[in-house]
PDB file of all heavy atoms in Angstrom:
ATOM      1  N   CYS A   1      56.550  60.757  18.953  1.00  0.00           N
ATOM      2  CA  CYS A   1      55.418  61.431  19.580  1.00  0.00           C
ATOM      3  C   CYS A   1      55.793  61.673  21.036  1.00  0.00           C
ATOM      4  O   CYS A   1      56.201  60.737  21.740  1.00  0.00           O
ATOM      5  CB  CYS A   1      54.173  60.557  19.467  1.00  0.00           C
ATOM      6  SG  CYS A   1      52.812  61.062  20.532  1.00  0.00           S
ATOM      7  N   ILE A   2      55.672  62.932  21.490  1.00  0.00           N
ATOM      8  CA  ILE A   2      56.076  63.290  22.850  1.00  0.00           C
ATOM      9  C   ILE A   2      54.897  63.900  23.592  1.00  0.00           C
ATOM     10  O   ILE A   2      54.151  64.714  23.036  1.00  0.00           O
ATOM     11  CB  ILE A   2      57.257  64.287  22.846  1.00  0.00           C
ATOM     12  CG1 ILE A   2      58.493  63.650  22.197  1.00  0.00           C
ATOM     13  CG2 ILE A   2      57.591  64.730  24.259  1.00  0.00           C
ATOM     14  CD1 ILE A   2      59.696  64.566  22.147  1.00  0.00           C
ATOM     15  N   LEU A   3      54.742  63.515  24.842  1.00  0.00           N
ATOM     16  CA  LEU A   3      53.757  64.137  25.725  1.00  0.00           C
ATOM     17  C   LEU A   3      54.519  65.014  26.716  1.00  0.00           C
ATOM     18  O   LEU A   3      55.373  64.533  27.464  1.00  0.00           O
ATOM     19  CB  LEU A   3      52.942  63.079  26.461  1.00  0.00           C
ATOM     20  CG  LEU A   3      51.718  63.620  27.205  1.00  0.00           C
ATOM     21  CD1 LEU A   3      50.639  64.038  26.219  1.00  0.00           C
ATOM     22  CD2 LEU A   3      51.172  62.591  28.181  1.00  0.00           C
ATOM     23  N   TRP A   4      54.200  66.321  26.712  1.00  0.00           N
ATOM     24  CA  TRP A   4      54.922  67.294  27.518  1.00  0.00           C
ATOM     25  C   TRP A   4      54.115  67.718  28.745  1.00  0.00           C
ATOM     26  O   TRP A   4      52.891  67.858  28.674  1.00  0.00           O
ATOM     27  CB  TRP A   4      55.222  68.561  26.702  1.00  0.00           C
ATOM     28  CG  TRP A   4      55.961  68.324  25.423  1.00  0.00           C
ATOM     29  CD1 TRP A   4      55.443  68.025  24.198  1.00  0.00           C
ATOM     30  CD2 TRP A   4      57.381  68.380  25.241  1.00  0.00           C
ATOM     31  NE1 TRP A   4      56.434  67.897  23.262  1.00  0.00           N
ATOM     32  CE2 TRP A   4      57.654  68.112  23.878  1.00  0.00           C
ATOM     33  CE3 TRP A   4      58.462  68.644  26.106  1.00  0.00           C
ATOM     34  CZ2 TRP A   4      58.934  68.086  23.357  1.00  0.00           C
ATOM     35  CZ3 TRP A   4      59.750  68.621  25.584  1.00  0.00           C
ATOM     36  CH2 TRP A   4      59.974  68.346  24.227  1.00  0.00           C
ATOM     37  N   ASP A   5      54.814  67.981  29.835  1.00  0.00           N
ATOM     38  CA  ASP A   5      54.210  68.587  31.011  1.00  0.00           C
ATOM     39  C   ASP A   5      54.412  70.101  30.910  1.00  0.00           C
ATOM     40  O   ASP A   5      55.550  70.579  30.819  1.00  0.00           O
ATOM     41  CB  ASP A   5      54.853  68.056  32.288  1.00  0.00           C
ATOM     42  CG  ASP A   5      54.173  68.600  33.528  1.00  0.00           C
ATOM     43  OD1 ASP A   5      54.567  69.698  33.981  1.00  0.00           O
ATOM     44  OD2 ASP A   5      53.251  67.946  34.022  1.00  0.00           O
ATOM     45  N   ILE A   6      53.325  70.859  30.904  1.00  0.00           N
ATOM     46  CA  ILE A   6      53.412  72.307  30.682  1.00  0.00           C
ATOM     47  C   ILE A   6      54.157  73.003  31.818  1.00  0.00           C
ATOM     48  O   ILE A   6      54.944  73.921  31.586  1.00  0.00           O
ATOM     49  CB  ILE A   6      52.000  72.901  30.511  1.00  0.00           C
ATOM     50  CG1 ILE A   6      51.341  72.346  29.246  1.00  0.00           C
ATOM     51  CG2 ILE A   6      52.057  74.426  30.451  1.00  0.00           C
ATOM     52  CD1 ILE A   6      49.924  72.805  29.043  1.00  0.00           C
ATOM     53  N   VAL A   7      53.962  72.566  33.033  1.00  0.00           N
ATOM     54  CA  VAL A   7      54.545  73.254  34.192  1.00  0.00           C
ATOM     55  C   VAL A   7      56.057  73.079  34.229  1.00  0.00           C
ATOM     56  O   VAL A   7      56.816  74.048  34.354  1.00  0.00           O
ATOM     57  CB  VAL A   7      53.900  72.742  35.494  1.00  0.00           C
ATOM     58  CG1 VAL A   7      54.554  73.415  36.697  1.00  0.00           C
ATOM     59  CG2 VAL A   7      52.404  73.007  35.486  1.00  0.00           C
ATOM     60  N   THR A   8      56.522  71.853  34.077  1.00  0.00           N
ATOM     61  CA  THR A   8      57.953  71.567  34.211  1.00  0.00           C
ATOM     62  C   THR A   8      58.724  71.708  32.908  1.00  0.00           C
ATOM     63  O   THR A   8      59.955  71.686  32.923  1.00  0.00           O
ATOM     64  CB  THR A   8      58.153  70.151  34.748  1.00  0.00           C
ATOM     65  OG1 THR A   8      57.636  69.206  33.789  1.00  0.00           O
ATOM     66  CG2 THR A   8      57.436  69.971  36.083  1.00  0.00           C
ATOM     67  N   GLU A   9      58.011  71.812  31.775  1.00  0.00           N
ATOM     68  CA  GLU A   9      58.615  71.899  30.444  1.00  0.00           C
ATOM     69  C   GLU A   9      59.394  70.630  30.091  1.00  0.00           C
ATOM     70  O   GLU A   9      60.252  70.653  29.201  1.00  0.00           O
ATOM     71  CB  GLU A   9      59.537  73.117  30.322  1.00  0.00           C
ATOM     72  CG  GLU A   9      58.847  74.444  30.564  1.00  0.00           C
ATOM     73  CD  GLU A   9      59.790  75.620  30.333  1.00  0.00           C
ATOM     74  OE1 GLU A   9      60.529  75.596  29.324  1.00  0.00           O
ATOM     75  OE2 GLU A   9      59.774  76.554  31.152  1.00  0.00           O
ATOM     76  N   GLN A  10      59.112  69.533  30.748  1.00  0.00           N
ATOM     77  CA  GLN A  10      59.781  68.270  30.483  1.00  0.00           C
ATOM     78  C   GLN A  10      58.800  67.291  29.838  1.00  0.00           C
ATOM     79  O   GLN A  10      57.587  67.373  30.063  1.00  0.00           O
ATOM     80  CB  GLN A  10      60.320  67.665  31.777  1.00  0.00           C
ATOM     81  CG  GLN A  10      61.331  68.540  32.500  1.00  0.00           C
ATOM     82  CD  GLN A  10      62.593  68.778  31.684  1.00  0.00           C
ATOM     83  OE1 GLN A  10      63.103  67.860  31.039  1.00  0.00           O
ATOM     84  NE2 GLN A  10      63.090  70.002  31.716  1.00  0.00           N
ATOM     85  N   HIS A  11      59.360  66.360  29.044  1.00  0.00           N
ATOM     86  CA  HIS A  11      58.466  65.378  28.440  1.00  0.00           C
ATOM     87  C   HIS A  11      58.171  64.251  29.424  1.00  0.00           C
ATOM     88  O   HIS A  11      59.062  63.765  30.125  1.00  0.00           O
ATOM     89  CB  HIS A  11      59.031  64.838  27.125  1.00  0.00           C
ATOM     90  CG  HIS A  11      60.315  64.094  27.245  1.00  0.00           C
ATOM     91  ND1 HIS A  11      61.538  64.657  26.951  1.00  0.00           N
ATOM     92  CD2 HIS A  11      60.581  62.824  27.626  1.00  0.00           C
ATOM     93  CE1 HIS A  11      62.493  63.777  27.124  1.00  0.00           C
ATOM     94  NE2 HIS A  11      61.943  62.645  27.540  1.00  0.00           N
ATOM     95  N   VAL A  12      56.901  63.878  29.459  1.00  0.00           N
ATOM     96  CA  VAL A  12      56.455  62.802  30.340  1.00  0.00           C
ATOM     97  C   VAL A  12      56.820  61.458  29.754  1.00  0.00           C
ATOM     98  O   VAL A  12      57.283  60.543  30.455  1.00  0.00           O
ATOM     99  CB  VAL A  12      54.928  62.907  30.571  1.00  0.00           C
ATOM    100  CG1 VAL A  12      54.434  61.754  31.445  1.00  0.00           C
ATOM    101  CG2 VAL A  12      54.570  64.243  31.175  1.00  0.00           C
ATOM    102  N   VAL A  13      56.596  61.329  28.468  1.00  0.00           N
ATOM    103  CA  VAL A  13      56.907  60.081  27.779  1.00  0.00           C
ATOM    104  C   VAL A  13      57.183  60.392  26.310  1.00  0.00           C
ATOM    105  O   VAL A  13      56.643  61.358  25.761  1.00  0.00           O
ATOM    106  CB  VAL A  13      55.737  59.070  27.918  1.00  0.00           C
ATOM    107  CG1 VAL A  13      54.468  59.604  27.257  1.00  0.00           C
ATOM    108  CG2 VAL A  13      56.095  57.714  27.344  1.00  0.00           C
ATOM    109  N   LYS A  14      58.047  59.591  25.709  1.00  0.00           N
ATOM    110  CA  LYS A  14      58.384  59.760  24.299  1.00  0.00           C
ATOM    111  C   LYS A  14      58.263  58.417  23.602  1.00  0.00           C
ATOM    112  O   LYS A  14      58.876  57.426  24.022  1.00  0.00           O
ATOM    113  CB  LYS A  14      59.799  60.310  24.142  1.00  0.00           C
ATOM    114  CG  LYS A  14      60.220  60.550  22.696  1.00  0.00           C
ATOM    115  CD  LYS A  14      61.589  61.201  22.619  1.00  0.00           C
ATOM    116  CE  LYS A  14      61.995  61.486  21.178  1.00  0.00           C
ATOM    117  NZ  LYS A  14      63.317  62.161  21.095  1.00  0.00           N
ATOM    118  N   TYR A  15      57.451  58.402  22.533  1.00  0.00           N
ATOM    119  CA  TYR A  15      57.259  57.184  21.755  1.00  0.00           C
ATOM    120  C   TYR A  15      57.917  57.358  20.385  1.00  0.00           C
ATOM    121  O   TYR A  15      57.787  58.409  19.750  1.00  0.00           O
ATOM    122  CB  TYR A  15      55.771  56.894  21.550  1.00  0.00           C
ATOM    123  CG  TYR A  15      55.012  56.631  22.825  1.00  0.00           C
ATOM    124  CD1 TYR A  15      54.250  57.632  23.420  1.00  0.00           C
ATOM    125  CD2 TYR A  15      55.052  55.377  23.429  1.00  0.00           C
ATOM    126  CE1 TYR A  15      53.549  57.391  24.587  1.00  0.00           C
ATOM    127  CE2 TYR A  15      54.341  55.130  24.602  1.00  0.00           C
ATOM    128  CZ  TYR A  15      53.590  56.140  25.170  1.00  0.00           C
ATOM    129  OH  TYR A  15      52.901  55.901  26.320  1.00  0.00           O
ATOM    130  N   LYS A  16      58.592  56.315  19.956  1.00  0.00           N
ATOM    131  CA  LYS A  16      59.220  56.345  18.632  1.00  0.00           C
ATOM    132  C   LYS A  16      58.941  55.001  17.959  1.00  0.00           C
ATOM    133  O   LYS A  16      59.820  54.159  17.806  1.00  0.00           O
ATOM    134  CB  LYS A  16      60.713  56.603  18.759  1.00  0.00           C
ATOM    135  CG  LYS A  16      61.354  57.127  17.485  1.00  0.00           C
ATOM    136  CD  LYS A  16      62.723  57.702  17.713  1.00  0.00           C
ATOM    137  CE  LYS A  16      63.265  58.315  16.419  1.00  0.00           C
ATOM    138  NZ  LYS A  16      64.606  58.923  16.624  1.00  0.00           N
ATOM    139  N   GLU A  17      57.686  54.836  17.547  1.00  0.00           N
ATOM    140  CA  GLU A  17      57.218  53.550  17.039  1.00  0.00           C
ATOM    141  C   GLU A  17      57.005  53.533  15.529  1.00  0.00           C
ATOM    142  O   GLU A  17      56.757  52.472  14.957  1.00  0.00           O
ATOM    143  CB  GLU A  17      55.898  53.171  17.731  1.00  0.00           C
ATOM    144  CG  GLU A  17      55.983  53.122  19.252  1.00  0.00           C
ATOM    145  CD  GLU A  17      56.843  51.976  19.752  1.00  0.00           C
ATOM    146  OE1 GLU A  17      56.999  50.978  19.006  1.00  0.00           O
ATOM    147  OE2 GLU A  17      57.382  52.083  20.860  1.00  0.00           O
ATOM    148  N   HIS A  18      57.064  54.678  14.882  1.00  0.00           N
ATOM    149  CA  HIS A  18      56.788  54.741  13.444  1.00  0.00           C
ATOM    150  C   HIS A  18      58.072  54.582  12.620  1.00  0.00           C
ATOM    151  O   HIS A  18      59.188  54.808  13.129  1.00  0.00           O
ATOM    152  CB  HIS A  18      56.115  56.074  13.092  1.00  0.00           C
ATOM    153  CG  HIS A  18      54.696  56.163  13.536  1.00  0.00           C
ATOM    154  ND1 HIS A  18      53.638  55.730  12.761  1.00  0.00           N
ATOM    155  CD2 HIS A  18      54.141  56.632  14.690  1.00  0.00           C
ATOM    156  CE1 HIS A  18      52.509  55.938  13.406  1.00  0.00           C
ATOM    157  NE2 HIS A  18      52.781  56.482  14.581  1.00  0.00           N
ATOM    158  N   ASN A  19      57.882  54.239  11.364  1.00  0.00           N
ATOM    159  CA  ASN A  19      59.002  54.080  10.431  1.00  0.00           C
ATOM    160  C   ASN A  19      59.093  55.227   9.438  1.00  0.00           C
ATOM    161  O   ASN A  19      59.931  55.181   8.541  1.00  0.00           O
ATOM    162  CB  ASN A  19      58.867  52.753   9.666  1.00  0.00           C
ATOM    163  CG  ASN A  19      58.867  51.563  10.588  1.00  0.00           C
ATOM    164  OD1 ASN A  19      59.639  51.526  11.554  1.00  0.00           O
ATOM    165  ND2 ASN A  19      58.011  50.587  10.312  1.00  0.00           N
ATOM    166  N   ASP A  20      58.232  56.224   9.580  1.00  0.00           N
ATOM    167  CA  ASP A  20      58.236  57.361   8.659  1.00  0.00           C
ATOM    168  C   ASP A  20      57.715  58.587   9.402  1.00  0.00           C
ATOM    169  O   ASP A  20      57.384  58.533  10.584  1.00  0.00           O
ATOM    170  CB  ASP A  20      57.367  57.048   7.430  1.00  0.00           C
ATOM    171  CG  ASP A  20      57.817  57.814   6.191  1.00  0.00           C
ATOM    172  OD1 ASP A  20      58.445  58.886   6.359  1.00  0.00           O
ATOM    173  OD2 ASP A  20      57.534  57.368   5.067  1.00  0.00           O
ATOM    174  N   TYR A  21      57.634  59.723   8.674  1.00  0.00           N
ATOM    175  CA  TYR A  21      57.175  60.968   9.283  1.00  0.00           C
ATOM    176  C   TYR A  21      55.829  60.789   9.970  1.00  0.00           C
ATOM    177  O   TYR A  21      54.966  60.045   9.496  1.00  0.00           O
ATOM    178  CB  TYR A  21      57.011  62.067   8.230  1.00  0.00           C
ATOM    179  CG  TYR A  21      58.278  62.471   7.522  1.00  0.00           C
ATOM    180  CD1 TYR A  21      58.215  63.053   6.255  1.00  0.00           C
ATOM    181  CD2 TYR A  21      59.527  62.296   8.097  1.00  0.00           C
ATOM    182  CE1 TYR A  21      59.369  63.443   5.592  1.00  0.00           C
ATOM    183  CE2 TYR A  21      60.683  62.679   7.450  1.00  0.00           C
ATOM    184  CZ  TYR A  21      60.604  63.242   6.193  1.00  0.00           C
ATOM    185  OH  TYR A  21      61.737  63.625   5.547  1.00  0.00           O
ATOM    186  N   ILE A  22      55.628  61.519  11.084  1.00  0.00           N
ATOM    187  CA  ILE A  22      54.321  61.577  11.738  1.00  0.00           C
ATOM    188  C   ILE A  22      53.731  62.949  11.448  1.00  0.00           C
ATOM    189  O   ILE A  22      54.220  63.964  11.938  1.00  0.00           O
ATOM    190  CB  ILE A  22      54.441  61.369  13.262  1.00  0.00           C
ATOM    191  CG1 ILE A  22      55.117  60.037  13.563  1.00  0.00           C
ATOM    192  CG2 ILE A  22      53.054  61.419  13.909  1.00  0.00           C
ATOM    193  CD1 ILE A  22      55.320  59.771  15.047  1.00  0.00           C
ATOM    194  N   ARG A  23      52.700  62.984  10.617  1.00  0.00           N
ATOM    195  CA  ARG A  23      52.059  64.239  10.228  1.00  0.00           C
ATOM    196  C   ARG A  23      50.645  64.377  10.797  1.00  0.00           C
ATOM    197  O   ARG A  23      49.988  65.389  10.557  1.00  0.00           O
ATOM    198  CB  ARG A  23      51.991  64.329   8.692  1.00  0.00           C
ATOM    199  CG  ARG A  23      53.362  64.384   8.026  1.00  0.00           C
ATOM    200  CD  ARG A  23      54.024  65.726   8.266  1.00  0.00           C
ATOM    201  NE  ARG A  23      55.359  65.795   7.722  1.00  0.00           N
ATOM    202  CZ  ARG A  23      55.657  66.162   6.467  1.00  0.00           C
ATOM    203  NH1 ARG A  23      54.690  66.479   5.633  1.00  0.00           N
ATOM    204  NH2 ARG A  23      56.903  66.201   6.063  1.00  0.00           N
ATOM    205  N   ALA A  24      50.168  63.375  11.527  1.00  0.00           N
ATOM    206  CA  ALA A  24      48.806  63.428  12.064  1.00  0.00           C
ATOM    207  C   ALA A  24      48.792  62.861  13.471  1.00  0.00           C
ATOM    208  O   ALA A  24      49.617  62.003  13.826  1.00  0.00           O
ATOM    209  CB  ALA A  24      47.849  62.641  11.173  1.00  0.00           C
ATOM    210  N   GLY A  25      47.867  63.339  14.249  1.00  0.00           N
ATOM    211  CA  GLY A  25      47.711  62.835  15.603  1.00  0.00           C
ATOM    212  C   GLY A  25      46.485  63.439  16.259  1.00  0.00           C
ATOM    213  O   GLY A  25      45.871  64.375  15.730  1.00  0.00           O
ATOM    214  N   CYS A  26      46.119  62.914  17.429  1.00  0.00           N
ATOM    215  CA  CYS A  26      44.998  63.457  18.183  1.00  0.00           C
ATOM    216  C   CYS A  26      45.070  62.931  19.609  1.00  0.00           C
ATOM    217  O   CYS A  26      45.822  61.988  19.900  1.00  0.00           O
ATOM    218  CB  CYS A  26      43.657  63.106  17.533  1.00  0.00           C
ATOM    219  SG  CYS A  26      43.329  61.340  17.426  1.00  0.00           S
ATOM    220  N   VAL A  27      44.287  63.542  20.482  1.00  0.00           N
ATOM    221  CA  VAL A  27      44.200  63.103  21.879  1.00  0.00           C
ATOM    222  C   VAL A  27      42.751  62.795  22.194  1.00  0.00           C
ATOM    223  O   VAL A  27      41.829  63.346  21.578  1.00  0.00           O
ATOM    224  CB  VAL A  27      44.745  64.182  22.834  1.00  0.00           C
ATOM    225  CG1 VAL A  27      46.230  64.400  22.621  1.00  0.00           C
ATOM    226  CG2 VAL A  27      43.989  65.503  22.665  1.00  0.00           C
ATOM    227  N   SER A  28      42.539  61.913  23.152  1.00  0.00           N
ATOM    228  CA  SER A  28      41.179  61.536  23.529  1.00  0.00           C
ATOM    229  C   SER A  28      40.467  62.715  24.184  1.00  0.00           C
ATOM    230  O   SER A  28      41.051  63.401  25.035  1.00  0.00           O
ATOM    231  CB  SER A  28      41.212  60.345  24.478  1.00  0.00           C
ATOM    232  OG  SER A  28      39.928  60.094  25.009  1.00  0.00           O
ATOM    233  N   PRO A  29      39.204  62.966  23.833  1.00  0.00           N
ATOM    234  CA  PRO A  29      38.458  64.065  24.462  1.00  0.00           C
ATOM    235  C   PRO A  29      37.962  63.744  25.860  1.00  0.00           C
ATOM    236  O   PRO A  29      37.446  64.621  26.558  1.00  0.00           O
ATOM    237  CB  PRO A  29      37.283  64.270  23.502  1.00  0.00           C
ATOM    238  CG  PRO A  29      37.072  62.939  22.875  1.00  0.00           C
ATOM    239  CD  PRO A  29      38.426  62.304  22.776  1.00  0.00           C
ATOM    240  N   VAL A  30      38.109  62.481  26.308  1.00  0.00           N
ATOM    241  CA  VAL A  30      37.584  62.086  27.622  1.00  0.00           C
ATOM    242  C   VAL A  30      38.656  61.483  28.528  1.00  0.00           C
ATOM    243  O   VAL A  30      38.467  61.414  29.737  1.00  0.00           O
ATOM    244  CB  VAL A  30      36.419  61.077  27.466  1.00  0.00           C
ATOM    245  CG1 VAL A  30      35.244  61.732  26.773  1.00  0.00           C
ATOM    246  CG2 VAL A  30      36.866  59.839  26.694  1.00  0.00           C
ATOM    247  N   ASN A  31      39.771  61.056  27.958  1.00  0.00           N
ATOM    248  CA  ASN A  31      40.828  60.409  28.744  1.00  0.00           C
ATOM    249  C   ASN A  31      42.164  61.085  28.453  1.00  0.00           C
ATOM    250  O   ASN A  31      42.689  60.974  27.345  1.00  0.00           O
ATOM    251  CB  ASN A  31      40.899  58.924  28.394  1.00  0.00           C
ATOM    252  CG  ASN A  31      41.800  58.148  29.341  1.00  0.00           C
ATOM    253  OD1 ASN A  31      42.648  58.717  30.031  1.00  0.00           O
ATOM    254  ND2 ASN A  31      41.611  56.843  29.370  1.00  0.00           N
ATOM    255  N   PRO A  32      42.774  61.789  29.424  1.00  0.00           N
ATOM    256  CA  PRO A  32      44.024  62.496  29.171  1.00  0.00           C
ATOM    257  C   PRO A  32      45.223  61.576  28.962  1.00  0.00           C
ATOM    258  O   PRO A  32      46.313  62.044  28.614  1.00  0.00           O
ATOM    259  CB  PRO A  32      44.207  63.345  30.442  1.00  0.00           C
ATOM    260  CG  PRO A  32      43.453  62.620  31.502  1.00  0.00           C
ATOM    261  CD  PRO A  32      42.290  61.988  30.806  1.00  0.00           C
ATOM    262  N   SER A  33      45.040  60.284  29.163  1.00  0.00           N
ATOM    263  CA  SER A  33      46.150  59.335  29.031  1.00  0.00           C
ATOM    264  C   SER A  33      46.239  58.698  27.652  1.00  0.00           C
ATOM    265  O   SER A  33      47.207  57.997  27.363  1.00  0.00           O
ATOM    266  CB  SER A  33      46.016  58.220  30.090  1.00  0.00           C
ATOM    267  OG  SER A  33      45.996  58.761  31.398  1.00  0.00           O
ATOM    268  N   VAL A  34      45.236  58.911  26.798  1.00  0.00           N
ATOM    269  CA  VAL A  34      45.188  58.248  25.491  1.00  0.00           C
ATOM    270  C   VAL A  34      45.605  59.222  24.399  1.00  0.00           C
ATOM    271  O   VAL A  34      45.035  60.309  24.276  1.00  0.00           O
ATOM    272  CB  VAL A  34      43.775  57.692  25.207  1.00  0.00           C
ATOM    273  CG1 VAL A  34      43.712  57.091  23.804  1.00  0.00           C
ATOM    274  CG2 VAL A  34      43.405  56.646  26.248  1.00  0.00           C
ATOM    275  N   VAL A  35      46.611  58.818  23.620  1.00  0.00           N
ATOM    276  CA  VAL A  35      47.130  59.622  22.515  1.00  0.00           C
ATOM    277  C   VAL A  35      47.226  58.727  21.288  1.00  0.00           C
ATOM    278  O   VAL A  35      47.576  57.543  21.401  1.00  0.00           O
ATOM    279  CB  VAL A  35      48.520  60.205  22.850  1.00  0.00           C
ATOM    280  CG1 VAL A  35      49.060  61.012  21.675  1.00  0.00           C
ATOM    281  CG2 VAL A  35      48.455  61.071  24.101  1.00  0.00           C
ATOM    282  N   VAL A  36      46.916  59.300  20.114  1.00  0.00           N
ATOM    283  CA  VAL A  36      46.974  58.547  18.859  1.00  0.00           C
ATOM    284  C   VAL A  36      47.865  59.295  17.877  1.00  0.00           C
ATOM    285  O   VAL A  36      47.794  60.522  17.766  1.00  0.00           O
ATOM    286  CB  VAL A  36      45.565  58.364  18.256  1.00  0.00           C
ATOM    287  CG1 VAL A  36      45.650  57.758  16.860  1.00  0.00           C
ATOM    288  CG2 VAL A  36      44.714  57.492  19.153  1.00  0.00           C
ATOM    289  N   SER A  37      48.712  58.561  17.157  1.00  0.00           N
ATOM    290  CA  SER A  37      49.559  59.159  16.121  1.00  0.00           C
ATOM    291  C   SER A  37      49.351  58.425  14.807  1.00  0.00           C
ATOM    292  O   SER A  37      49.122  57.217  14.781  1.00  0.00           O
ATOM    293  CB  SER A  37      51.036  59.092  16.524  1.00  0.00           C
ATOM    294  OG  SER A  37      51.463  57.747  16.642  1.00  0.00           O
ATOM    295  N   GLY A  38      49.429  59.173  13.700  1.00  0.00           N
ATOM    296  CA  GLY A  38      49.302  58.589  12.366  1.00  0.00           C
ATOM    297  C   GLY A  38      50.497  58.970  11.526  1.00  0.00           C
ATOM    298  O   GLY A  38      50.842  60.153  11.430  1.00  0.00           O
ATOM    299  N   GLY A  39      51.145  57.999  10.918  1.00  0.00           N
ATOM    300  CA  GLY A  39      52.380  58.262  10.184  1.00  0.00           C
ATOM    301  C   GLY A  39      52.261  58.046   8.699  1.00  0.00           C
ATOM    302  O   GLY A  39      51.283  57.480   8.198  1.00  0.00           O
ATOM    303  N   TYR A  40      53.307  58.481   7.991  1.00  0.00           N
ATOM    304  CA  TYR A  40      53.359  58.262   6.553  1.00  0.00           C
ATOM    305  C   TYR A  40      53.688  56.808   6.212  1.00  0.00           C
ATOM    306  O   TYR A  40      53.733  56.451   5.027  1.00  0.00           O
ATOM    307  CB  TYR A  40      54.389  59.204   5.931  1.00  0.00           C
ATOM    308  CG  TYR A  40      53.792  60.542   5.517  1.00  0.00           C
ATOM    309  CD1 TYR A  40      52.622  61.018   6.095  1.00  0.00           C
ATOM    310  CD2 TYR A  40      54.395  61.328   4.540  1.00  0.00           C
ATOM    311  CE1 TYR A  40      52.071  62.218   5.726  1.00  0.00           C
ATOM    312  CE2 TYR A  40      53.838  62.546   4.154  1.00  0.00           C
ATOM    313  CZ  TYR A  40      52.678  62.979   4.751  1.00  0.00           C
ATOM    314  OH  TYR A  40      52.125  64.184   4.368  1.00  0.00           O
ATOM    315  N   ASP A  41      53.932  55.988   7.214  1.00  0.00           N
ATOM    316  CA  ASP A  41      54.088  54.548   6.988  1.00  0.00           C
ATOM    317  C   ASP A  41      52.741  53.834   6.946  1.00  0.00           C
ATOM    318  O   ASP A  41      52.682  52.615   6.806  1.00  0.00           O
ATOM    319  CB  ASP A  41      54.978  53.929   8.062  1.00  0.00           C
ATOM    320  CG  ASP A  41      54.468  54.215   9.481  1.00  0.00           C
ATOM    321  OD1 ASP A  41      53.418  54.882   9.609  1.00  0.00           O
ATOM    322  OD2 ASP A  41      55.128  53.801  10.444  1.00  0.00           O
ATOM    323  N   GLY A  42      51.662  54.605   7.071  1.00  0.00           N
ATOM    324  CA  GLY A  42      50.317  54.037   7.015  1.00  0.00           C
ATOM    325  C   GLY A  42      49.839  53.461   8.325  1.00  0.00           C
ATOM    326  O   GLY A  42      48.704  52.986   8.423  1.00  0.00           O
TER     327      GLY A  42
END
């Protein structure tokens, strides 16, 4: 899961915590710092 900066085209942070494909995710509607990912590892 990568968080990108639109202006610089660079990734701010990259997480690689899952053991399988990541097909789902979402971002918080009130906090720009919170990101959630859901993987095929359950």
